Amino acid sequence: GAACLLGAQIVDVVKAHAFVRHGDGSHHAVD
């Protein structure tokens, strides 16, 4: 649980950073 909770938060941060920098803001990109 400790490893997965921390890993999920890191994945969210990486994906959010990529979306803000290169995403088009559409529903498909958010999904």
All heavy atoms as atom14 arrays in JSON, in Angstrom:
{
  "sequence": "GAACLLGAQIVDVVKAHAFVRHGDGSHHAVD",
  "atom14_mask": [
    [1, 1, 1, 1, 0, 0, 0, 0, 0, 0, 0, 0, 0, 0],
    [1, 1, 1, 1, 1, 0, 0, 0, 0, 0, 0, 0, 0, 0],
    [1, 1, 1, 1, 1, 0, 0, 0, 0, 0, 0, 0, 0, 0],
    [1, 1, 1, 1, 1, 1, 0, 0, 0, 0, 0, 0, 0, 0],
    [1, 1, 1, 1, 1, 1, 1, 1, 0, 0, 0, 0, 0, 0],
    [1, 1, 1, 1, 1, 1, 1, 1, 0, 0, 0, 0, 0, 0],
    [1, 1, 1, 1, 0, 0, 0, 0, 0, 0, 0, 0, 0, 0],
    [1, 1, 1, 1, 1, 0, 0, 0, 0, 0, 0, 0, 0, 0],
    [1, 1, 1, 1, 1, 1, 1, 1, 1, 0, 0, 0, 0, 0],
    [1, 1, 1, 1, 1, 1, 1, 1, 0, 0, 0, 0, 0, 0],
    [1, 1, 1, 1, 1, 1, 1, 0, 0, 0, 0, 0, 0, 0],
    [1, 1, 1, 1, 1, 1, 1, 1, 0, 0, 0, 0, 0, 0],
    [1, 1, 1, 1, 1, 1, 1, 0, 0, 0, 0, 0, 0, 0],
    [1, 1, 1, 1, 1, 1, 1, 0, 0, 0, 0, 0, 0, 0],
    [1, 1, 1, 1, 1, 1, 1, 1, 1, 0, 0, 0, 0, 0],
    [1, 1, 1, 1, 1, 0, 0, 0, 0, 0, 0, 0, 0, 0],
    [1, 1, 1, 1, 1, 1, 1, 1, 1, 1, 0, 0, 0, 0],
    [1, 1, 1, 1, 1, 0, 0, 0, 0, 0, 0, 0, 0, 0],
    [1, 1, 1, 1, 1, 1, 1, 1, 1, 1, 1, 0, 0, 0],
    [1, 1, 1, 1, 1, 1, 1, 0, 0, 0, 0, 0, 0, 0],
    [1, 1, 1, 1, 1, 1, 1, 1, 1, 1, 1, 0, 0, 0],
    [1, 1, 1, 1, 1, 1, 1, 1, 1, 1, 0, 0, 0, 0],
    [1, 1, 1, 1, 0, 0, 0, 0, 0, 0, 0, 0, 0, 0],
    [1, 1, 1, 1, 1, 1, 1, 1, 0, 0, 0, 0, 0, 0],
    [1, 1, 1, 1, 0, 0, 0, 0, 0, 0, 0, 0, 0, 0],
    [1, 1, 1, 1, 1, 1, 0, 0, 0, 0, 0, 0, 0, 0],
    [1, 1, 1, 1, 1, 1, 1, 1, 1, 1, 0, 0, 0, 0],
    [1, 1, 1, 1, 1, 1, 1, 1, 1, 1, 0, 0, 0, 0],
    [1, 1, 1, 1, 1, 0, 0, 0, 0, 0, 0, 0, 0, 0],
    [1, 1, 1, 1, 1, 1, 1, 0, 0, 0, 0, 0, 0, 0],
    [1, 1, 1, 1, 1, 1, 1, 1, 0, 0, 0, 0, 0, 0]
  ],
  "atom14_positions": [
    [[0.81, -1.22, 0.0], [0.0, 0.0, 0.0], [0.83, 1.26, 0.0], [0.54, 2.22, -0.73], [0.0, 0.0, 0.0], [0.0, 0.0, 0.0], [0.0, 0.0, 0.0], [0.0, 0.0, 0.0], [0.0, 0.0, 0.0], [0.0, 0.0, 0.0], [0.0, 0.0, 0.0], [0.0, 0.0, 0.0], [0.0, 0.0, 0.0], [0.0, 0.0, 0.0]],
    [[1.9, 1.29, 0.81], [2.76, 2.47, 0.86], [3.42, 2.71, -0.49], [3.47, 3.85, -0.99], [3.82, 2.29, 1.94], [0.0, 0.0, 0.0], [0.0, 0.0, 0.0], [0.0, 0.0, 0.0], [0.0, 0.0, 0.0], [0.0, 0.0, 0.0], [0.0, 0.0, 0.0], [0.0, 0.0, 0.0], [0.0, 0.0, 0.0], [0.0, 0.0, 0.0]],
    [[3.93, 1.64, -1.12], [4.6, 1.79, -2.42], [3.62, 2.22, -3.5], [3.94, 3.09, -4.33], [5.27, 0.47, -2.8], [0.0, 0.0, 0.0], [0.0, 0.0, 0.0], [0.0, 0.0, 0.0], [0.0, 0.0, 0.0], [0.0, 0.0, 0.0], [0.0, 0.0, 0.0], [0.0, 0.0, 0.0], [0.0, 0.0, 0.0], [0.0, 0.0, 0.0]],
    [[2.42, 1.64, -3.51], [1.46, 1.96, -4.56], [0.89, 3.37, -4.41], [0.68, 4.07, -5.41], [0.33, 0.94, -4.56], [0.85, -0.7, -5.11], [0.0, 0.0, 0.0], [0.0, 0.0, 0.0], [0.0, 0.0, 0.0], [0.0, 0.0, 0.0], [0.0, 0.0, 0.0], [0.0, 0.0, 0.0], [0.0, 0.0, 0.0], [0.0, 0.0, 0.0]],
    [[0.62, 3.8, -3.17], [0.1, 5.15, -2.98], [1.12, 6.19, -3.42], [0.78, 7.17, -4.1], [-0.26, 5.35, -1.51], [-1.53, 4.63, -1.03], [-1.67, 4.79, 0.48], [-2.76, 5.17, -1.75], [0.0, 0.0, 0.0], [0.0, 0.0, 0.0], [0.0, 0.0, 0.0], [0.0, 0.0, 0.0], [0.0, 0.0, 0.0], [0.0, 0.0, 0.0]],
    [[2.37, 6.0, -3.06], [3.41, 6.94, -3.48], [3.62, 6.87, -4.98], [3.77, 7.91, -5.65], [4.71, 6.64, -2.74], [5.91, 7.54, -3.08], [5.59, 9.01, -2.81], [7.13, 7.1, -2.3], [0.0, 0.0, 0.0], [0.0, 0.0, 0.0], [0.0, 0.0, 0.0], [0.0, 0.0, 0.0], [0.0, 0.0, 0.0], [0.0, 0.0, 0.0]],
    [[3.64, 5.65, -5.53], [3.82, 5.52, -6.98], [2.7, 6.15, -7.77], [2.93, 6.79, -8.81], [0.0, 0.0, 0.0], [0.0, 0.0, 0.0], [0.0, 0.0, 0.0], [0.0, 0.0, 0.0], [0.0, 0.0, 0.0], [0.0, 0.0, 0.0], [0.0, 0.0, 0.0], [0.0, 0.0, 0.0], [0.0, 0.0, 0.0], [0.0, 0.0, 0.0]],
    [[1.45, 5.99, -7.31], [0.32, 6.59, -8.01], [0.41, 8.11, -8.0], [0.09, 8.77, -9.0], [-0.99, 6.13, -7.38], [0.0, 0.0, 0.0], [0.0, 0.0, 0.0], [0.0, 0.0, 0.0], [0.0, 0.0, 0.0], [0.0, 0.0, 0.0], [0.0, 0.0, 0.0], [0.0, 0.0, 0.0], [0.0, 0.0, 0.0], [0.0, 0.0, 0.0]],
    [[0.87, 8.68, -6.87], [1.0, 10.14, -6.81], [2.08, 10.64, -7.75], [1.92, 11.68, -8.41], [1.33, 10.57, -5.38], [1.31, 12.07, -5.16], [-0.04, 12.68, -5.41], [-0.97, 12.47, -4.65], [-0.18, 13.44, -6.49], [0.0, 0.0, 0.0], [0.0, 0.0, 0.0], [0.0, 0.0, 0.0], [0.0, 0.0, 0.0], [0.0, 0.0, 0.0]],
    [[3.18, 9.91, -7.86], [4.26, 10.31, -8.78], [3.78, 10.21, -10.22], [4.06, 11.1, -11.05], [5.5, 9.43, -8.55], [6.09, 9.71, -7.16], [6.55, 9.67, -9.63], [7.25, 8.82, -6.78], [0.0, 0.0, 0.0], [0.0, 0.0, 0.0], [0.0, 0.0, 0.0], [0.0, 0.0, 0.0], [0.0, 0.0, 0.0], [0.0, 0.0, 0.0]],
    [[3.04, 9.14, -10.55], [2.51, 9.0, -11.91], [1.56, 10.15, -12.23], [1.59, 10.71, -13.34], [1.81, 7.64, -12.07], [1.0, 7.59, -13.38], [2.82, 6.51, -12.05], [0.0, 0.0, 0.0], [0.0, 0.0, 0.0], [0.0, 0.0, 0.0], [0.0, 0.0, 0.0], [0.0, 0.0, 0.0], [0.0, 0.0, 0.0], [0.0, 0.0, 0.0]],
    [[0.72, 10.53, -11.28], [-0.21, 11.64, -11.5], [0.55, 12.94, -11.78], [0.15, 13.72, -12.66], [-1.11, 11.82, -10.29], [-2.14, 10.71, -10.17], [-2.32, 9.96, -11.16], [-2.76, 10.59, -9.08], [0.0, 0.0, 0.0], [0.0, 0.0, 0.0], [0.0, 0.0, 0.0], [0.0, 0.0, 0.0], [0.0, 0.0, 0.0], [0.0, 0.0, 0.0]],
    [[1.61, 13.17, -11.03], [2.39, 14.4, -11.23], [3.05, 14.4, -12.6], [3.04, 15.43, -13.31], [3.44, 14.54, -10.11], [4.44, 15.64, -10.46], [2.75, 14.85, -8.78], [0.0, 0.0, 0.0], [0.0, 0.0, 0.0], [0.0, 0.0, 0.0], [0.0, 0.0, 0.0], [0.0, 0.0, 0.0], [0.0, 0.0, 0.0], [0.0, 0.0, 0.0]],
    [[3.62, 13.27, -13.0], [4.29, 13.2, -14.32], [3.27, 13.4, -15.44], [3.52, 14.16, -16.4], [5.01, 11.84, -14.47], [5.54, 11.66, -15.88], [6.16, 11.74, -13.46], [0.0, 0.0, 0.0], [0.0, 0.0, 0.0], [0.0, 0.0, 0.0], [0.0, 0.0, 0.0], [0.0, 0.0, 0.0], [0.0, 0.0, 0.0], [0.0, 0.0, 0.0]],
    [[2.13, 12.74, -15.34], [1.12, 12.88, -16.39], [0.54, 14.29, -16.41], [0.28, 14.84, -17.5], [0.0, 11.86, -16.15], [0.42, 10.41, -16.35], [0.77, 10.14, -17.79], [1.11, 8.68, -18.02], [1.46, 8.39, -19.44], [0.0, 0.0, 0.0], [0.0, 0.0, 0.0], [0.0, 0.0, 0.0], [0.0, 0.0, 0.0], [0.0, 0.0, 0.0]],
    [[0.34, 14.9, -15.26], [-0.18, 16.26, -15.22], [0.81, 17.24, -15.82], [0.42, 18.18, -16.55], [-0.5, 16.65, -13.78], [0.0, 0.0, 0.0], [0.0, 0.0, 0.0], [0.0, 0.0, 0.0], [0.0, 0.0, 0.0], [0.0, 0.0, 0.0], [0.0, 0.0, 0.0], [0.0, 0.0, 0.0], [0.0, 0.0, 0.0], [0.0, 0.0, 0.0]],
    [[2.09, 17.04, -15.53], [3.1, 17.93, -16.1], [3.14, 17.81, -17.62], [3.23, 18.83, -18.34], [4.48, 17.58, -15.52], [5.58, 18.44, -16.02], [5.76, 19.75, -15.58], [6.56, 18.21, -16.95], [6.81, 20.27, -16.21], [7.3, 19.36, -17.04], [0.0, 0.0, 0.0], [0.0, 0.0, 0.0], [0.0, 0.0, 0.0], [0.0, 0.0, 0.0]],
    [[3.05, 16.58, -18.13], [3.05, 16.4, -19.58], [1.79, 16.99, -20.21], [1.84, 17.57, -21.31], [3.15, 14.91, -19.91], [0.0, 0.0, 0.0], [0.0, 0.0, 0.0], [0.0, 0.0, 0.0], [0.0, 0.0, 0.0], [0.0, 0.0, 0.0], [0.0, 0.0, 0.0], [0.0, 0.0, 0.0], [0.0, 0.0, 0.0], [0.0, 0.0, 0.0]],
    [[0.66, 16.9, -19.53], [-0.57, 17.45, -20.08], [-0.51, 18.98, -20.15], [-0.89, 19.59, -21.15], [-1.76, 17.01, -19.22], [-3.04, 17.7, -19.56], [-3.8, 17.29, -20.63], [-3.48, 18.79, -18.81], [-4.99, 17.94, -20.95], [-4.66, 19.44, -19.12], [-5.41, 19.01, -20.19], [0.0, 0.0, 0.0], [0.0, 0.0, 0.0], [0.0, 0.0, 0.0]],
    [[-0.05, 19.61, -19.07], [0.0, 21.07, -19.03], [0.97, 21.59, -20.08], [0.73, 22.64, -20.7], [0.37, 21.55, -17.62], [0.62, 23.05, -17.61], [-0.74, 21.2, -16.63], [0.0, 0.0, 0.0], [0.0, 0.0, 0.0], [0.0, 0.0, 0.0], [0.0, 0.0, 0.0], [0.0, 0.0, 0.0], [0.0, 0.0, 0.0], [0.0, 0.0, 0.0]],
    [[2.06, 20.89, -20.3], [3.08, 21.38, -21.25], [2.72, 21.08, -22.69], [2.99, 21.89, -23.58], [4.44, 20.74, -20.92], [5.01, 21.14, -19.57], [5.31, 22.65, -19.54], [5.86, 23.06, -18.26], [5.15, 23.44, -17.24], [3.81, 23.45, -17.31], [5.73, 23.81, -16.1], [0.0, 0.0, 0.0], [0.0, 0.0, 0.0], [0.0, 0.0, 0.0]],
    [[2.1, 19.93, -22.93], [1.9, 19.53, -24.33], [0.46, 19.12, -24.65], [0.16, 18.83, -25.81], [2.82, 18.35, -24.68], [4.25, 18.59, -24.33], [5.05, 19.49, -25.0], [5.03, 18.05, -23.36], [6.26, 19.49, -24.46], [6.28, 18.63, -23.47], [0.0, 0.0, 0.0], [0.0, 0.0, 0.0], [0.0, 0.0, 0.0], [0.0, 0.0, 0.0]],
    [[-0.45, 19.09, -23.67], [-1.81, 18.66, -23.94], [-2.61, 19.72, -24.67], [-2.31, 20.91, -24.62], [0.0, 0.0, 0.0], [0.0, 0.0, 0.0], [0.0, 0.0, 0.0], [0.0, 0.0, 0.0], [0.0, 0.0, 0.0], [0.0, 0.0, 0.0], [0.0, 0.0, 0.0], [0.0, 0.0, 0.0], [0.0, 0.0, 0.0], [0.0, 0.0, 0.0]],
    [[-3.68, 19.28, -25.37], [-4.51, 20.22, -26.11], [-5.76, 20.62, -25.32], [-6.58, 21.39, -25.82], [-4.93, 19.6, -27.45], [-5.63, 18.25, -27.28], [-5.96, 17.89, -26.13], [-5.85, 17.57, -28.3], [0.0, 0.0, 0.0], [0.0, 0.0, 0.0], [0.0, 0.0, 0.0], [0.0, 0.0, 0.0], [0.0, 0.0, 0.0], [0.0, 0.0, 0.0]],
    [[-5.94, 20.1, -24.1], [-7.08, 20.49, -23.28], [-8.36, 19.77, -23.62], [-9.39, 20.06, -22.98], [0.0, 0.0, 0.0], [0.0, 0.0, 0.0], [0.0, 0.0, 0.0], [0.0, 0.0, 0.0], [0.0, 0.0, 0.0], [0.0, 0.0, 0.0], [0.0, 0.0, 0.0], [0.0, 0.0, 0.0], [0.0, 0.0, 0.0], [0.0, 0.0, 0.0]],
    [[-8.34, 18.83, -24.54], [-9.56, 18.13, -24.91], [-9.85, 17.0, -23.93], [-9.03, 16.64, -23.08], [-9.41, 17.55, -26.32], [-8.37, 16.59, -26.35], [0.0, 0.0, 0.0], [0.0, 0.0, 0.0], [0.0, 0.0, 0.0], [0.0, 0.0, 0.0], [0.0, 0.0, 0.0], [0.0, 0.0, 0.0], [0.0, 0.0, 0.0], [0.0, 0.0, 0.0]],
    [[-11.05, 16.46, -24.07], [-11.45, 15.37, -23.2], [-10.56, 14.15, -23.4], [-10.23, 13.43, -22.43], [-12.91, 15.0, -23.46], [-13.38, 13.82, -22.67], [-13.64, 13.87, -21.31], [-13.61, 12.52, -23.05], [-14.02, 12.68, -20.88], [-14.02, 11.85, -21.92], [0.0, 0.0, 0.0], [0.0, 0.0, 0.0], [0.0, 0.0, 0.0], [0.0, 0.0, 0.0]],
    [[-10.17, 13.89, -24.62], [-9.32, 12.74, -24.92], [-7.96, 12.89, -24.24], [-7.43, 11.92, -23.66], [-9.14, 12.6, -26.43], [-8.22, 11.47, -26.82], [-8.58, 10.16, -26.67], [-6.95, 11.48, -27.33], [-7.58, 9.38, -27.08], [-6.59, 10.17, -27.49], [0.0, 0.0, 0.0], [0.0, 0.0, 0.0], [0.0, 0.0, 0.0], [0.0, 0.0, 0.0]],
    [[-7.4, 14.09, -24.29], [-6.1, 14.31, -23.66], [-6.19, 14.19, -22.13], [-5.3, 13.63, -21.49], [-5.56, 15.68, -24.05], [0.0, 0.0, 0.0], [0.0, 0.0, 0.0], [0.0, 0.0, 0.0], [0.0, 0.0, 0.0], [0.0, 0.0, 0.0], [0.0, 0.0, 0.0], [0.0, 0.0, 0.0], [0.0, 0.0, 0.0], [0.0, 0.0, 0.0]],
    [[-7.29, 14.69, -21.55], [-7.47, 14.57, -20.1], [-7.63, 13.1, -19.71], [-7.07, 12.65, -18.69], [-8.7, 15.38, -19.66], [-9.03, 15.1, -18.2], [-8.45, 16.86, -19.87], [0.0, 0.0, 0.0], [0.0, 0.0, 0.0], [0.0, 0.0, 0.0], [0.0, 0.0, 0.0], [0.0, 0.0, 0.0], [0.0, 0.0, 0.0], [0.0, 0.0, 0.0]],
    [[-8.35, 12.34, -20.5], [-8.57, 10.93, -20.19], [-7.25, 10.16, -20.25], [-7.0, 9.28, -19.42], [-9.58, 10.33, -21.18], [-9.91, 8.9, -20.85], [-10.55, 8.67, -19.81], [-9.51, 8.0, -21.62], [0.0, 0.0, 0.0], [0.0, 0.0, 0.0], [0.0, 0.0, 0.0], [0.0, 0.0, 0.0], [0.0, 0.0, 0.0], [0.0, 0.0, 0.0]]
  ]
}
